[in-house]
Amino acid sequence: MSLDNDWESIRPDRGFRAADAGMGILRITLLFGSAAVALALIAAPFLDSQTRAARDGFAGVDAMSTGSIGHRDTYTLRRSVLQPLPSSICVIRSDGRRSGDC
């Protein structure tokens, strides 16, 4: 027997098999998948408590805003350089009523 044959008798299968690679990928996927699930289970309650603390900092303030403004009364503000006081303002309503320094 030659030296090569002795080595083959000790370790006959030295070739690459696709099944072994598939099992390795499966093991890696299961490892990282279970790590991601564990992280999600730990991080979810922690992040929930953080958002509650931030939300409670605005106690009594409604942060919801719609941006809609109802149509009320239309008016015009007039200021004139001919008024005796520089802060004099004349308010003219849509029905013609006047108030202020007109």
C-alpha atoms as a PDB file:
ATOM      1  CA  MET A   1       0.000   0.000   0.000  1.00  0.00           C
ATOM      2  CA  SER A   2       1.120   3.434  -0.735  1.00  0.00           C
ATOM      3  CA  LEU A   3       0.880   6.492   1.453  1.00  0.00           C
ATOM      4  CA  ASP A   4      -2.036   7.894  -0.554  1.00  0.00           C
ATOM      5  CA  ASN A   5      -4.070   4.738  -0.030  1.00  0.00           C
ATOM      6  CA  ASP A   6      -3.468   4.839   3.710  1.00  0.00           C
ATOM      7  CA  TRP A   7      -4.811   8.359   3.891  1.00  0.00           C
ATOM      8  CA  GLU A   8      -7.873   7.376   1.868  1.00  0.00           C
ATOM      9  CA  SER A   9      -8.574   4.482   4.219  1.00  0.00           C
ATOM     10  CA  ILE A  10      -8.485   6.820   7.237  1.00  0.00           C
ATOM     11  CA  ARG A  11     -10.482   9.643   5.646  1.00  0.00           C
ATOM     12  CA  PRO A  12     -12.178   8.421   2.518  1.00  0.00           C
ATOM     13  CA  ASP A  13     -14.630  11.329   1.938  1.00  0.00           C
ATOM     14  CA  ARG A  14     -12.776  14.572   1.249  1.00  0.00           C
ATOM     15  CA  GLY A  15     -15.161  15.963  -1.326  1.00  0.00           C
ATOM     16  CA  PHE A  16     -17.571  18.890  -0.986  1.00  0.00           C
ATOM     17  CA  ARG A  17     -21.232  18.055  -0.569  1.00  0.00           C
ATOM     18  CA  ALA A  18     -24.043  20.543  -1.157  1.00  0.00           C
ATOM     19  CA  ALA A  19     -26.089  19.030   1.673  1.00  0.00           C
ATOM     20  CA  ASP A  20     -23.409  20.004   4.200  1.00  0.00           C
ATOM     21  CA  ALA A  21     -23.411  23.588   2.946  1.00  0.00           C
ATOM     22  CA  GLY A  22     -27.202  23.693   3.143  1.00  0.00           C
ATOM     23  CA  MET A  23     -27.165  22.551   6.746  1.00  0.00           C
ATOM     24  CA  GLY A  24     -24.559  25.198   7.580  1.00  0.00           C
ATOM     25  CA  ILE A  25     -26.687  27.944   6.080  1.00  0.00           C
ATOM     26  CA  LEU A  26     -29.725  26.620   7.935  1.00  0.00           C
ATOM     27  CA  ARG A  27     -27.832  26.667  11.237  1.00  0.00           C
ATOM     28  CA  ILE A  28     -26.621  30.237  10.665  1.00  0.00           C
ATOM     29  CA  THR A  29     -30.144  31.349   9.733  1.00  0.00           C
ATOM     30  CA  LEU A  30     -31.597  29.764  12.859  1.00  0.00           C
ATOM     31  CA  LEU A  31     -28.904  31.349  15.007  1.00  0.00           C
ATOM     32  CA  PHE A  32     -29.447  34.893  13.707  1.00  0.00           C
ATOM     33  CA  GLY A  33     -33.223  34.425  13.579  1.00  0.00           C
ATOM     34  CA  SER A  34     -33.407  33.402  17.208  1.00  0.00           C
ATOM     35  CA  ALA A  35     -31.107  36.297  18.146  1.00  0.00           C
ATOM     36  CA  ALA A  36     -33.434  38.726  16.307  1.00  0.00           C
ATOM     37  CA  VAL A  37     -36.509  37.343  18.097  1.00  0.00           C
ATOM     38  CA  ALA A  38     -34.765  37.602  21.484  1.00  0.00           C
ATOM     39  CA  LEU A  39     -33.719  41.190  20.747  1.00  0.00           C
ATOM     40  CA  ALA A  40     -37.270  42.103  19.716  1.00  0.00           C
ATOM     41  CA  LEU A  41     -38.686  40.607  22.915  1.00  0.00           C
ATOM     42  CA  ILE A  42     -36.235  42.600  25.013  1.00  0.00           C
ATOM     43  CA  ALA A  43     -36.344  45.862  23.049  1.00  0.00           C
ATOM     44  CA  ALA A  44     -40.142  46.195  22.674  1.00  0.00           C
ATOM     45  CA  PRO A  45     -40.955  46.831  26.369  1.00  0.00           C
ATOM     46  CA  PHE A  46     -37.934  49.090  26.736  1.00  0.00           C
ATOM     47  CA  LEU A  47     -38.906  51.254  23.753  1.00  0.00           C
ATOM     48  CA  ASP A  48     -42.523  51.346  24.929  1.00  0.00           C
ATOM     49  CA  SER A  49     -41.467  52.755  28.301  1.00  0.00           C
ATOM     50  CA  GLN A  50     -39.284  55.340  26.569  1.00  0.00           C
ATOM     51  CA  THR A  51     -42.156  56.607  24.403  1.00  0.00           C
ATOM     52  CA  ARG A  52     -44.463  56.766  27.432  1.00  0.00           C
ATOM     53  CA  ALA A  53     -41.925  58.884  29.295  1.00  0.00           C
ATOM     54  CA  ALA A  54     -41.632  61.249  26.339  1.00  0.00           C
ATOM     55  CA  ARG A  55     -45.403  61.392  25.917  1.00  0.00           C
ATOM     56  CA  ASP A  56     -46.005  62.121  29.622  1.00  0.00           C
ATOM     57  CA  GLY A  57     -43.723  65.144  29.343  1.00  0.00           C
ATOM     58  CA  PHE A  58     -46.544  66.884  27.435  1.00  0.00           C
ATOM     59  CA  ALA A  59     -49.168  66.363  30.134  1.00  0.00           C
ATOM     60  CA  GLY A  60     -52.300  68.362  29.422  1.00  0.00           C
ATOM     61  CA  VAL A  61     -51.294  69.275  25.875  1.00  0.00           C
ATOM     62  CA  ASP A  62     -53.208  67.787  22.988  1.00  0.00           C
ATOM     63  CA  ALA A  63     -50.595  67.219  20.279  1.00  0.00           C
ATOM     64  CA  MET A  64     -53.241  66.398  17.652  1.00  0.00           C
ATOM     65  CA  SER A  65     -53.729  69.119  15.076  1.00  0.00           C
ATOM     66  CA  THR A  66     -55.914  68.972  12.005  1.00  0.00           C
ATOM     67  CA  GLY A  67     -55.016  72.222  10.318  1.00  0.00           C
ATOM     68  CA  SER A  68     -58.622  73.110   9.525  1.00  0.00           C
ATOM     69  CA  ILE A  69     -59.938  76.517  10.480  1.00  0.00           C
ATOM     70  CA  GLY A  70     -63.631  77.202  10.353  1.00  0.00           C
ATOM     71  CA  HIS A  71     -64.922  80.129   8.301  1.00  0.00           C
ATOM     72  CA  ARG A  72     -65.961  82.833  10.696  1.00  0.00           C
ATOM     73  CA  ASP A  73     -66.293  86.521  10.060  1.00  0.00           C
ATOM     74  CA  THR A  74     -64.349  88.365   7.384  1.00  0.00           C
ATOM     75  CA  TYR A  75     -62.847  91.714   8.245  1.00  0.00           C
ATOM     76  CA  THR A  76     -60.330  94.248   6.972  1.00  0.00           C
ATOM     77  CA  LEU A  77     -57.755  96.046   9.073  1.00  0.00           C
ATOM     78  CA  ARG A  78     -56.800  99.552   7.967  1.00  0.00           C
ATOM     79  CA  ARG A  79     -54.038 101.723   9.273  1.00  0.00           C
ATOM     80  CA  SER A  80     -53.423 105.216   8.090  1.00  0.00           C
ATOM     81  CA  VAL A  81     -50.531 107.607   8.420  1.00  0.00           C
ATOM     82  CA  LEU A  82     -53.141 110.346   8.861  1.00  0.00           C
ATOM     83  CA  GLN A  83     -54.308 108.878  12.204  1.00  0.00           C
ATOM     84  CA  PRO A  84     -53.120 110.792  15.252  1.00  0.00           C
ATOM     85  CA  LEU A  85     -51.578 107.698  16.888  1.00  0.00           C
ATOM     86  CA  PRO A  86     -49.318 105.277  14.967  1.00  0.00           C
ATOM     87  CA  SER A  87     -51.016 102.297  16.649  1.00  0.00           C
ATOM     88  CA  SER A  88     -54.511 103.345  15.507  1.00  0.00           C
ATOM     89  CA  ILE A  89     -56.309 100.572  13.642  1.00  0.00           C
ATOM     90  CA  CYS A  90     -59.691 100.603  11.905  1.00  0.00           C
ATOM     91  CA  VAL A  91     -61.543  97.282  11.690  1.00  0.00           C
ATOM     92  CA  ILE A  92     -64.152  97.005   8.906  1.00  0.00           C
ATOM     93  CA  ARG A  93     -66.416  93.929   9.097  1.00  0.00           C
ATOM     94  CA  SER A  94     -67.964  92.170   6.078  1.00  0.00           C
ATOM     95  CA  ASP A  95     -71.383  93.679   6.890  1.00  0.00           C
ATOM     96  CA  GLY A  96     -69.929  97.223   6.878  1.00  0.00           C
ATOM     97  CA  ARG A  97     -69.706  97.785  10.619  1.00  0.00           C
ATOM     98  CA  ARG A  98     -66.647  99.719  11.701  1.00  0.00           C
ATOM     99  CA  SER A  99     -64.824  99.600  15.010  1.00  0.00           C
ATOM    100  CA  GLY A 100     -61.589 100.929  16.381  1.00  0.00           C
ATOM    101  CA  ASP A 101     -60.082 104.261  15.258  1.00  0.00           C
ATOM    102  CA  CYS A 102     -61.935 104.832  11.985  1.00  0.00           C
END
